[in-house]
Amino acid sequence: MEIRMEYYLVLSTIMMFVGIYGFFTRRNLLAMLISVELILNSADINFAVFNRFLFPGQLEGFFFALFAIGVSAAETAVAIAIIINVYRNIRNIQVKNLKELKF
């Protein structure tokens, strides 16, 4: 039994909108980072699904997904380092408190 393409795309769409909703409604830097990761993972699912169904003998979509995962890991490392520095300076990671870091 093969899972249809539409199911993967529905899952990816739900992940994308949950990530967008989380990014715009959360005020915690860590929750916003998790929301961005959800958005990037939904794009990775799309890369893999379109490669599998449109070009079954080729691996370009999977390589794009692996590259995106690598970029996502680097982005997460940098973002967590920034969040740690923010916490060390103001002892809070709420977005509303970041105005103190301006010039």
PDB file of N, CA and C in Angstrom:
ATOM      1  N   MET A   1       0.839  -1.180   0.000  1.00  0.00           N
ATOM      2  CA  MET A   1       0.000   0.000   0.000  1.00  0.00           C
ATOM      3  C   MET A   1       0.884   1.244   0.000  1.00  0.00           C
ATOM      4  N   GLU A   2       0.645   2.101  -0.950  1.00  0.00           N
ATOM      5  CA  GLU A   2       1.449   3.309  -1.081  1.00  0.00           C
ATOM      6  C   GLU A   2       0.668   4.515  -0.585  1.00  0.00           C
ATOM      7  N   ILE A   3       1.336   5.361   0.148  1.00  0.00           N
ATOM      8  CA  ILE A   3       0.709   6.579   0.649  1.00  0.00           C
ATOM      9  C   ILE A   3       0.692   7.608  -0.479  1.00  0.00           C
ATOM     10  N   ARG A   4      -0.445   8.226  -0.673  1.00  0.00           N
ATOM     11  CA  ARG A   4      -0.593   9.183  -1.761  1.00  0.00           C
ATOM     12  C   ARG A   4       0.142  10.475  -1.458  1.00  0.00           C
ATOM     13  N   MET A   5       0.477  11.181  -2.527  1.00  0.00           N
ATOM     14  CA  MET A   5       1.230  12.415  -2.418  1.00  0.00           C
ATOM     15  C   MET A   5       0.479  13.479  -1.622  1.00  0.00           C
ATOM     16  N   GLU A   6      -0.829  13.496  -1.760  1.00  0.00           N
ATOM     17  CA  GLU A   6      -1.624  14.525  -1.089  1.00  0.00           C
ATOM     18  C   GLU A   6      -1.503  14.454   0.435  1.00  0.00           C
ATOM     19  N   TYR A   7      -1.360  13.257   0.970  1.00  0.00           N
ATOM     20  CA  TYR A   7      -1.226  13.122   2.423  1.00  0.00           C
ATOM     21  C   TYR A   7       0.063  13.760   2.932  1.00  0.00           C
ATOM     22  N   TYR A   8       1.142  13.559   2.188  1.00  0.00           N
ATOM     23  CA  TYR A   8       2.404  14.197   2.561  1.00  0.00           C
ATOM     24  C   TYR A   8       2.282  15.721   2.475  1.00  0.00           C
ATOM     25  N   LEU A   9       1.620  16.194   1.431  1.00  0.00           N
ATOM     26  CA  LEU A   9       1.489  17.638   1.264  1.00  0.00           C
ATOM     27  C   LEU A   9       0.578  18.251   2.321  1.00  0.00           C
ATOM     28  N   VAL A  10      -0.449  17.520   2.735  1.00  0.00           N
ATOM     29  CA  VAL A  10      -1.305  18.006   3.817  1.00  0.00           C
ATOM     30  C   VAL A  10      -0.508  18.084   5.114  1.00  0.00           C
ATOM     31  N   LEU A  11       0.289  17.071   5.397  1.00  0.00           N
ATOM     32  CA  LEU A  11       1.141  17.093   6.590  1.00  0.00           C
ATOM     33  C   LEU A  11       2.111  18.269   6.541  1.00  0.00           C
ATOM     34  N   SER A  12       2.726  18.478   5.395  1.00  0.00           N
ATOM     35  CA  SER A  12       3.669  19.578   5.239  1.00  0.00           C
ATOM     36  C   SER A  12       2.979  20.927   5.402  1.00  0.00           C
ATOM     37  N   THR A  13       1.780  21.056   4.860  1.00  0.00           N
ATOM     38  CA  THR A  13       1.036  22.311   4.986  1.00  0.00           C
ATOM     39  C   THR A  13       0.654  22.581   6.428  1.00  0.00           C
ATOM     40  N   ILE A  14       0.216  21.553   7.129  1.00  0.00           N
ATOM     41  CA  ILE A  14      -0.131  21.723   8.542  1.00  0.00           C
ATOM     42  C   ILE A  14       1.094  22.141   9.345  1.00  0.00           C
ATOM     43  N   MET A  15       2.233  21.493   9.075  1.00  0.00           N
ATOM     44  CA  MET A  15       3.460  21.871   9.779  1.00  0.00           C
ATOM     45  C   MET A  15       3.850  23.312   9.479  1.00  0.00           C
ATOM     46  N   MET A  16       3.687  23.727   8.228  1.00  0.00           N
ATOM     47  CA  MET A  16       4.035  25.094   7.840  1.00  0.00           C
ATOM     48  C   MET A  16       3.166  26.104   8.585  1.00  0.00           C
ATOM     49  N   PHE A  17       1.851  25.877   8.615  1.00  0.00           N
ATOM     50  CA  PHE A  17       0.972  26.839   9.262  1.00  0.00           C
ATOM     51  C   PHE A  17       1.101  26.814  10.781  1.00  0.00           C
ATOM     52  N   VAL A  18       1.384  25.666  11.367  1.00  0.00           N
ATOM     53  CA  VAL A  18       1.648  25.616  12.806  1.00  0.00           C
ATOM     54  C   VAL A  18       2.918  26.401  13.131  1.00  0.00           C
ATOM     55  N   GLY A  19       3.931  26.273  12.280  1.00  0.00           N
ATOM     56  CA  GLY A  19       5.163  27.033  12.479  1.00  0.00           C
ATOM     57  C   GLY A  19       4.954  28.527  12.336  1.00  0.00           C
ATOM     58  N   ILE A  20       4.193  28.936  11.327  1.00  0.00           N
ATOM     59  CA  ILE A  20       3.914  30.365  11.139  1.00  0.00           C
ATOM     60  C   ILE A  20       3.100  30.906  12.310  1.00  0.00           C
ATOM     61  N   TYR A  21       2.082  30.154  12.719  1.00  0.00           N
ATOM     62  CA  TYR A  21       1.260  30.581  13.862  1.00  0.00           C
ATOM     63  C   TYR A  21       2.110  30.687  15.124  1.00  0.00           C
ATOM     64  N   GLY A  22       2.957  29.691  15.363  1.00  0.00           N
ATOM     65  CA  GLY A  22       3.811  29.719  16.543  1.00  0.00           C
ATOM     66  C   GLY A  22       4.796  30.865  16.525  1.00  0.00           C
ATOM     67  N   PHE A  23       5.328  31.190  15.348  1.00  0.00           N
ATOM     68  CA  PHE A  23       6.293  32.276  15.255  1.00  0.00           C
ATOM     69  C   PHE A  23       5.654  33.621  15.565  1.00  0.00           C
ATOM     70  N   PHE A  24       4.436  33.821  15.081  1.00  0.00           N
ATOM     71  CA  PHE A  24       3.793  35.122  15.277  1.00  0.00           C
ATOM     72  C   PHE A  24       3.091  35.262  16.625  1.00  0.00           C
ATOM     73  N   THR A  25       2.791  34.164  17.300  1.00  0.00           N
ATOM     74  CA  THR A  25       2.068  34.280  18.566  1.00  0.00           C
ATOM     75  C   THR A  25       2.949  34.101  19.790  1.00  0.00           C
ATOM     76  N   ARG A  26       4.077  33.460  19.679  1.00  0.00           N
ATOM     77  CA  ARG A  26       4.939  33.231  20.838  1.00  0.00           C
ATOM     78  C   ARG A  26       5.811  34.446  21.098  1.00  0.00           C
ATOM     79  N   ARG A  27       6.097  34.680  22.341  1.00  0.00           N
ATOM     80  CA  ARG A  27       6.964  35.789  22.738  1.00  0.00           C
ATOM     81  C   ARG A  27       8.264  35.294  23.359  1.00  0.00           C
ATOM     82  N   ASN A  28       8.490  34.004  23.320  1.00  0.00           N
ATOM     83  CA  ASN A  28       9.697  33.403  23.863  1.00  0.00           C
ATOM     84  C   ASN A  28      10.631  33.089  22.699  1.00  0.00           C
ATOM     85  N   LEU A  29      11.889  33.448  22.810  1.00  0.00           N
ATOM     86  CA  LEU A  29      12.823  33.241  21.704  1.00  0.00           C
ATOM     87  C   LEU A  29      12.995  31.759  21.368  1.00  0.00           C
ATOM     88  N   LEU A  30      12.996  30.906  22.356  1.00  0.00           N
ATOM     89  CA  LEU A  30      13.166  29.478  22.104  1.00  0.00           C
ATOM     90  C   LEU A  30      11.950  28.896  21.382  1.00  0.00           C
ATOM     91  N   ALA A  31      10.757  29.308  21.761  1.00  0.00           N
ATOM     92  CA  ALA A  31       9.549  28.846  21.065  1.00  0.00           C
ATOM     93  C   ALA A  31       9.516  29.355  19.630  1.00  0.00           C
ATOM     94  N   MET A  32      10.008  30.562  19.410  1.00  0.00           N
ATOM     95  CA  MET A  32      10.075  31.088  18.042  1.00  0.00           C
ATOM     96  C   MET A  32      11.070  30.299  17.203  1.00  0.00           C
ATOM     97  N   LEU A  33      12.177  29.886  17.808  1.00  0.00           N
ATOM     98  CA  LEU A  33      13.161  29.074  17.103  1.00  0.00           C
ATOM     99  C   LEU A  33      12.569  27.716  16.720  1.00  0.00           C
ATOM    100  N   ILE A  34      11.820  27.114  17.611  1.00  0.00           N
ATOM    101  CA  ILE A  34      11.171  25.835  17.313  1.00  0.00           C
ATOM    102  C   ILE A  34      10.169  26.005  16.180  1.00  0.00           C
ATOM    103  N   SER A  35       9.470  27.124  16.140  1.00  0.00           N
ATOM    104  CA  SER A  35       8.529  27.385  15.066  1.00  0.00           C
ATOM    105  C   SER A  35       9.237  27.528  13.719  1.00  0.00           C
ATOM    106  N   VAL A  36      10.372  28.178  13.712  1.00  0.00           N
ATOM    107  CA  VAL A  36      11.145  28.291  12.470  1.00  0.00           C
ATOM    108  C   VAL A  36      11.620  26.913  12.017  1.00  0.00           C
ATOM    109  N   GLU A  37      11.999  26.075  12.953  1.00  0.00           N
ATOM    110  CA  GLU A  37      12.414  24.713  12.599  1.00  0.00           C
ATOM    111  C   GLU A  37      11.257  23.914  11.997  1.00  0.00           C
ATOM    112  N   LEU A  38      10.051  24.115  12.498  1.00  0.00           N
ATOM    113  CA  LEU A  38       8.884  23.458  11.899  1.00  0.00           C
ATOM    114  C   LEU A  38       8.691  23.891  10.455  1.00  0.00           C
ATOM    115  N   ILE A  39       8.863  25.172  10.189  1.00  0.00           N
ATOM    116  CA  ILE A  39       8.721  25.680   8.828  1.00  0.00           C
ATOM    117  C   ILE A  39       9.774  25.058   7.916  1.00  0.00           C
ATOM    118  N   LEU A  40      11.009  24.984   8.386  1.00  0.00           N
ATOM    119  CA  LEU A  40      12.078  24.398   7.570  1.00  0.00           C
ATOM    120  C   LEU A  40      11.857  22.899   7.348  1.00  0.00           C
ATOM    121  N   ASN A  41      11.357  22.201   8.348  1.00  0.00           N
ATOM    122  CA  ASN A  41      11.085  20.766   8.181  1.00  0.00           C
ATOM    123  C   ASN A  41       9.948  20.523   7.201  1.00  0.00           C
ATOM    124  N   SER A  42       8.975  21.415   7.161  1.00  0.00           N
ATOM    125  CA  SER A  42       7.909  21.246   6.166  1.00  0.00           C
ATOM    126  C   SER A  42       8.455  21.430   4.756  1.00  0.00           C
ATOM    127  N   ALA A  43       9.401  22.330   4.580  1.00  0.00           N
ATOM    128  CA  ALA A  43      10.033  22.485   3.263  1.00  0.00           C
ATOM    129  C   ALA A  43      10.842  21.233   2.906  1.00  0.00           C
ATOM    130  N   ASP A  44      11.504  20.631   3.877  1.00  0.00           N
ATOM    131  CA  ASP A  44      12.256  19.403   3.629  1.00  0.00           C
ATOM    132  C   ASP A  44      11.341  18.260   3.198  1.00  0.00           C
ATOM    133  N   ILE A  45      10.181  18.175   3.821  1.00  0.00           N
ATOM    134  CA  ILE A  45       9.212  17.144   3.416  1.00  0.00           C
ATOM    135  C   ILE A  45       8.795  17.371   1.971  1.00  0.00           C
ATOM    136  N   ASN A  46       8.561  18.626   1.600  1.00  0.00           N
ATOM    137  CA  ASN A  46       8.183  18.921   0.220  1.00  0.00           C
ATOM    138  C   ASN A  46       9.282  18.523  -0.759  1.00  0.00           C
ATOM    139  N   PHE A  47      10.537  18.804  -0.431  1.00  0.00           N
ATOM    140  CA  PHE A  47      11.649  18.402  -1.302  1.00  0.00           C
ATOM    141  C   PHE A  47      11.632  16.894  -1.537  1.00  0.00           C
ATOM    142  N   ALA A  48      11.516  16.152  -0.467  1.00  0.00           N
ATOM    143  CA  ALA A  48      11.561  14.694  -0.581  1.00  0.00           C
ATOM    144  C   ALA A  48      10.344  14.132  -1.319  1.00  0.00           C
ATOM    145  N   VAL A  49       9.175  14.671  -1.041  1.00  0.00           N
ATOM    146  CA  VAL A  49       7.946  14.156  -1.661  1.00  0.00           C
ATOM    147  C   VAL A  49       7.923  14.442  -3.157  1.00  0.00           C
ATOM    148  N   PHE A  50       8.234  15.666  -3.544  1.00  0.00           N
ATOM    149  CA  PHE A  50       8.211  15.982  -4.964  1.00  0.00           C
ATOM    150  C   PHE A  50       9.278  15.209  -5.721  1.00  0.00           C
ATOM    151  N   ASN A  51      10.412  14.970  -5.089  1.00  0.00           N
ATOM    152  CA  ASN A  51      11.428  14.156  -5.742  1.00  0.00           C
ATOM    153  C   ASN A  51      10.937  12.722  -5.922  1.00  0.00           C
ATOM    154  N   ARG A  52      10.327  12.183  -4.900  1.00  0.00           N
ATOM    155  CA  ARG A  52       9.881  10.786  -4.966  1.00  0.00           C
ATOM    156  C   ARG A  52       8.794  10.573  -6.003  1.00  0.00           C
ATOM    157  N   PHE A  53       7.848  11.483  -6.094  1.00  0.00           N
ATOM    158  CA  PHE A  53       6.716  11.283  -6.987  1.00  0.00           C
ATOM    159  C   PHE A  53       6.945  11.820  -8.397  1.00  0.00           C
ATOM    160  N   LEU A  54       7.736  12.865  -8.559  1.00  0.00           N
ATOM    161  CA  LEU A  54       7.946  13.425  -9.893  1.00  0.00           C
ATOM    162  C   LEU A  54       9.177  12.854 -10.588  1.00  0.00           C
ATOM    163  N   PHE A  55      10.234  12.589  -9.833  1.00  0.00           N
ATOM    164  CA  PHE A  55      11.474  12.065 -10.393  1.00  0.00           C
ATOM    165  C   PHE A  55      11.945  10.883  -9.553  1.00  0.00           C
ATOM    166  N   PRO A  56      11.275   9.733  -9.659  1.00  0.00           N
ATOM    167  CA  PRO A  56      11.557   8.618  -8.740  1.00  0.00           C
ATOM    168  C   PRO A  56      12.965   8.040  -8.852  1.00  0.00           C
ATOM    169  N   GLY A  57      13.621   8.172  -9.983  1.00  0.00           N
ATOM    170  CA  GLY A  57      14.950   7.580 -10.127  1.00  0.00           C
ATOM    171  C   GLY A  57      16.084   8.503  -9.744  1.00  0.00           C
ATOM    172  N   GLN A  58      15.771   9.742  -9.412  1.00  0.00           N
ATOM    173  CA  GLN A  58      16.816  10.718  -9.119  1.00  0.00           C
ATOM    174  C   GLN A  58      16.791  11.094  -7.647  1.00  0.00           C
ATOM    175  N   LEU A  59      17.876  11.704  -7.191  1.00  0.00           N
ATOM    176  CA  LEU A  59      18.009  12.000  -5.762  1.00  0.00           C
ATOM    177  C   LEU A  59      18.191  13.483  -5.456  1.00  0.00           C
ATOM    178  N   GLU A  60      17.897  14.358  -6.411  1.00  0.00           N
ATOM    179  CA  GLU A  60      18.137  15.782  -6.173  1.00  0.00           C
ATOM    180  C   GLU A  60      17.315  16.324  -5.012  1.00  0.00           C
ATOM    181  N   GLY A  61      16.059  15.921  -4.919  1.00  0.00           N
ATOM    182  CA  GLY A  61      15.209  16.399  -3.824  1.00  0.00           C
ATOM    183  C   GLY A  61      15.730  15.972  -2.468  1.00  0.00           C
ATOM    184  N   PHE A  62      16.249  14.762  -2.392  1.00  0.00           N
ATOM    185  CA  PHE A  62      16.799  14.281  -1.119  1.00  0.00           C
ATOM    186  C   PHE A  62      18.080  15.025  -0.770  1.00  0.00           C
ATOM    187  N   PHE A  63      18.896  15.344  -1.793  1.00  0.00           N
ATOM    188  CA  PHE A  63      20.103  16.114  -1.516  1.00  0.00           C
ATOM    189  C   PHE A  63      19.767  17.532  -1.076  1.00  0.00           C
ATOM    190  N   PHE A  64      18.744  18.125  -1.693  1.00  0.00           N
ATOM    191  CA  PHE A  64      18.294  19.442  -1.237  1.00  0.00           C
ATOM    192  C   PHE A  64      17.813  19.372   0.211  1.00  0.00           C
ATOM    193  N   ALA A  65      17.077  18.322   0.545  1.00  0.00           N
ATOM    194  CA  ALA A  65      16.586  18.164   1.912  1.00  0.00           C
ATOM    195  C   ALA A  65      17.749  17.994   2.891  1.00  0.00           C
ATOM    196  N   LEU A  66      18.747  17.198   2.522  1.00  0.00           N
ATOM    197  CA  LEU A  66      19.913  17.031   3.403  1.00  0.00           C
ATOM    198  C   LEU A  66      20.678  18.331   3.567  1.00  0.00           C
ATOM    199  N   PHE A  67      20.826  19.086   2.485  1.00  0.00           N
ATOM    200  CA  PHE A  67      21.493  20.381   2.569  1.00  0.00           C
ATOM    201  C   PHE A  67      20.701  21.325   3.459  1.00  0.00           C
ATOM    202  N   ALA A  68      19.380  21.323   3.320  1.00  0.00           N
ATOM    203  CA  ALA A  68      18.541  22.186   4.149  1.00  0.00           C
ATOM    204  C   ALA A  68      18.616  21.788   5.614  1.00  0.00           C
ATOM    205  N   ILE A  69      18.723  20.498   5.899  1.00  0.00           N
ATOM    206  CA  ILE A  69      18.877  20.044   7.284  1.00  0.00           C
ATOM    207  C   ILE A  69      20.209  20.530   7.855  1.00  0.00           C
ATOM    208  N   GLY A  70      21.261  20.488   7.044  1.00  0.00           N
ATOM    209  CA  GLY A  70      22.561  20.998   7.491  1.00  0.00           C
ATOM    210  C   GLY A  70      22.531  22.490   7.772  1.00  0.00           C
ATOM    211  N   VAL A  71      21.898  23.248   6.886  1.00  0.00           N
ATOM    212  CA  VAL A  71      21.763  24.690   7.102  1.00  0.00           C
ATOM    213  C   VAL A  71      20.916  24.958   8.340  1.00  0.00           C
ATOM    214  N   SER A  72      19.876  24.166   8.530  1.00  0.00           N
ATOM    215  CA  SER A  72      19.009  24.312   9.700  1.00  0.00           C
ATOM    216  C   SER A  72      19.775  24.030  10.989  1.00  0.00           C
ATOM    217  N   ALA A  73      20.646  23.044  10.968  1.00  0.00           N
ATOM    218  CA  ALA A  73      21.446  22.741  12.162  1.00  0.00           C
ATOM    219  C   ALA A  73      22.396  23.893  12.481  1.00  0.00           C
ATOM    220  N   ALA A  74      23.013  24.461  11.467  1.00  0.00           N
ATOM    221  CA  ALA A  74      23.907  25.594  11.694  1.00  0.00           C
ATOM    222  C   ALA A  74      23.128  26.807  12.201  1.00  0.00           C
ATOM    223  N   GLU A  75      21.955  27.036  11.633  1.00  0.00           N
ATOM    224  CA  GLU A  75      21.114  28.153  12.069  1.00  0.00           C
ATOM    225  C   GLU A  75      20.676  27.970  13.512  1.00  0.00           C
ATOM    226  N   THR A  76      20.364  26.748  13.891  1.00  0.00           N
ATOM    227  CA  THR A  76      19.958  26.471  15.267  1.00  0.00           C
ATOM    228  C   THR A  76      21.108  26.707  16.233  1.00  0.00           C
ATOM    229  N   ALA A  77      22.302  26.295  15.858  1.00  0.00           N
ATOM    230  CA  ALA A  77      23.463  26.503  16.731  1.00  0.00           C
ATOM    231  C   ALA A  77      23.724  27.990  16.953  1.00  0.00           C
ATOM    232  N   VAL A  78      23.654  28.777  15.890  1.00  0.00           N
ATOM    233  CA  VAL A  78      23.872  30.219  16.020  1.00  0.00           C
ATOM    234  C   VAL A  78      22.755  30.861  16.841  1.00  0.00           C
ATOM    235  N   ALA A  79      21.509  30.451  16.599  1.00  0.00           N
ATOM    236  CA  ALA A  79      20.380  31.027  17.327  1.00  0.00           C
ATOM    237  C   ALA A  79      20.446  30.691  18.817  1.00  0.00           C
ATOM    238  N   ILE A  80      20.826  29.469  19.146  1.00  0.00           N
ATOM    239  CA  ILE A  80      20.936  29.105  20.563  1.00  0.00           C
ATOM    240  C   ILE A  80      22.076  29.872  21.230  1.00  0.00           C
ATOM    241  N   ALA A  81      23.168  30.096  20.506  1.00  0.00           N
ATOM    242  CA  ALA A  81      24.256  30.903  21.061  1.00  0.00           C
ATOM    243  C   ALA A  81      23.787  32.333  21.323  1.00  0.00           C
ATOM    244  N   ILE A  82      22.997  32.887  20.421  1.00  0.00           N
ATOM    245  CA  ILE A  82      22.462  34.235  20.630  1.00  0.00           C
ATOM    246  C   ILE A  82      21.500  34.249  21.816  1.00  0.00           C
ATOM    247  N   ILE A  83      20.657  33.246  21.913  1.00  0.00           N
ATOM    248  CA  ILE A  83      19.705  33.180  23.030  1.00  0.00           C
ATOM    249  C   ILE A  83      20.440  33.063  24.357  1.00  0.00           C
ATOM    250  N   ILE A  84      21.514  32.282  24.399  1.00  0.00           N
ATOM    251  CA  ILE A  84      22.301  32.159  25.633  1.00  0.00           C
ATOM    252  C   ILE A  84      22.927  33.496  26.007  1.00  0.00           C
ATOM    253  N   ASN A  85      23.450  34.240  25.023  1.00  0.00           N
ATOM    254  CA  ASN A  85      24.024  35.560  25.322  1.00  0.00           C
ATOM    255  C   ASN A  85      22.961  36.546  25.778  1.00  0.00           C
ATOM    256  N   VAL A  86      21.777  36.489  25.195  1.00  0.00           N
ATOM    257  CA  VAL A  86      20.685  37.354  25.643  1.00  0.00           C
ATOM    258  C   VAL A  86      20.324  37.021  27.082  1.00  0.00           C
ATOM    259  N   TYR A  87      20.246  35.744  27.396  1.00  0.00           N
ATOM    260  CA  TYR A  87      19.899  35.344  28.761  1.00  0.00           C
ATOM    261  C   TYR A  87      20.972  35.791  29.753  1.00  0.00           C
ATOM    262  N   ARG A  88      22.223  35.708  29.358  1.00  0.00           N
ATOM    263  CA  ARG A  88      23.297  36.147  30.264  1.00  0.00           C
ATOM    264  C   ARG A  88      23.231  37.642  30.529  1.00  0.00           C
ATOM    265  N   ASN A  89      22.812  38.413  29.537  1.00  0.00           N
ATOM    266  CA  ASN A  89      22.777  39.872  29.701  1.00  0.00           C
ATOM    267  C   ASN A  89      21.549  40.363  30.439  1.00  0.00           C
ATOM    268  N   ILE A  90      20.387  39.844  30.126  1.00  0.00           N
ATOM    269  CA  ILE A  90      19.175  40.406  30.725  1.00  0.00           C
ATOM    270  C   ILE A  90      18.378  39.391  31.548  1.00  0.00           C
ATOM    271  N   ARG A  91      18.867  38.169  31.676  1.00  0.00           N
ATOM    272  CA  ARG A  91      18.253  37.124  32.511  1.00  0.00           C
ATOM    273  C   ARG A  91      16.815  36.801  32.109  1.00  0.00           C
ATOM    274  N   ASN A  92      16.517  36.948  30.814  1.00  0.00           N
ATOM    275  CA  ASN A  92      15.181  36.664  30.321  1.00  0.00           C
ATOM    276  C   ASN A  92      15.277  36.465  28.805  1.00  0.00           C
ATOM    277  N   ILE A  93      14.442  35.595  28.259  1.00  0.00           N
ATOM    278  CA  ILE A  93      14.476  35.394  26.808  1.00  0.00           C
ATOM    279  C   ILE A  93      13.143  35.757  26.160  1.00  0.00           C
ATOM    280  N   GLN A  94      12.415  36.657  26.783  1.00  0.00           N
ATOM    281  CA  GLN A  94      11.179  37.158  26.193  1.00  0.00           C
ATOM    282  C   GLN A  94      11.510  38.245  25.177  1.00  0.00           C
ATOM    283  N   VAL A  95      10.765  38.269  24.085  1.00  0.00           N
ATOM    284  CA  VAL A  95      11.043  39.212  23.013  1.00  0.00           C
ATOM    285  C   VAL A  95      10.836  40.650  23.462  1.00  0.00           C
ATOM    286  N   LYS A  96       9.866  40.895  24.323  1.00  0.00           N
ATOM    287  CA  LYS A  96       9.571  42.271  24.748  1.00  0.00           C
ATOM    288  C   LYS A  96      10.728  42.897  25.524  1.00  0.00           C
ATOM    289  N   ASN A  97      11.602  42.081  26.076  1.00  0.00           N
ATOM    290  CA  ASN A  97      12.737  42.599  26.850  1.00  0.00           C
ATOM    291  C   ASN A  97      13.968  42.864  25.989  1.00  0.00           C
ATOM    292  N   LEU A  98      13.901  42.611  24.716  1.00  0.00           N
ATOM    293  CA  LEU A  98      15.072  42.799  23.876  1.00  0.00           C
ATOM    294  C   LEU A  98      15.308  44.259  23.503  1.00  0.00           C
ATOM    295  N   LYS A  99      14.403  45.136  23.840  1.00  0.00           N
ATOM    296  CA  LYS A  99      14.602  46.563  23.568  1.00  0.00           C
ATOM    297  C   LYS A  99      15.771  47.103  24.377  1.00  0.00           C
ATOM    298  N   GLU A 100      16.107  46.430  25.467  1.00  0.00           N
ATOM    299  CA  GLU A 100      17.232  46.865  26.296  1.00  0.00           C
ATOM    300  C   GLU A 100      18.566  46.664  25.598  1.00  0.00           C
ATOM    301  N   LEU A 101      18.604  45.828  24.564  1.00  0.00           N
ATOM    302  CA  LEU A 101      19.864  45.550  23.881  1.00  0.00           C
ATOM    303  C   LEU A 101      20.168  46.516  22.761  1.00  0.00           C
ATOM    304  N   LYS A 102      19.243  47.420  22.458  1.00  0.00           N
ATOM    305  CA  LYS A 102      19.493  48.398  21.395  1.00  0.00           C
ATOM    306  C   LYS A 102      20.561  49.367  21.842  1.00  0.00           C
ATOM    307  N   PHE A 103      21.124  50.128  20.892  1.00  0.00           N
ATOM    308  CA  PHE A 103      22.231  51.034  21.170  1.00  0.00           C
ATOM    309  C   PHE A 103      22.002  51.778  22.433  1.00  0.00           C
TER     310      PHE A 103
END
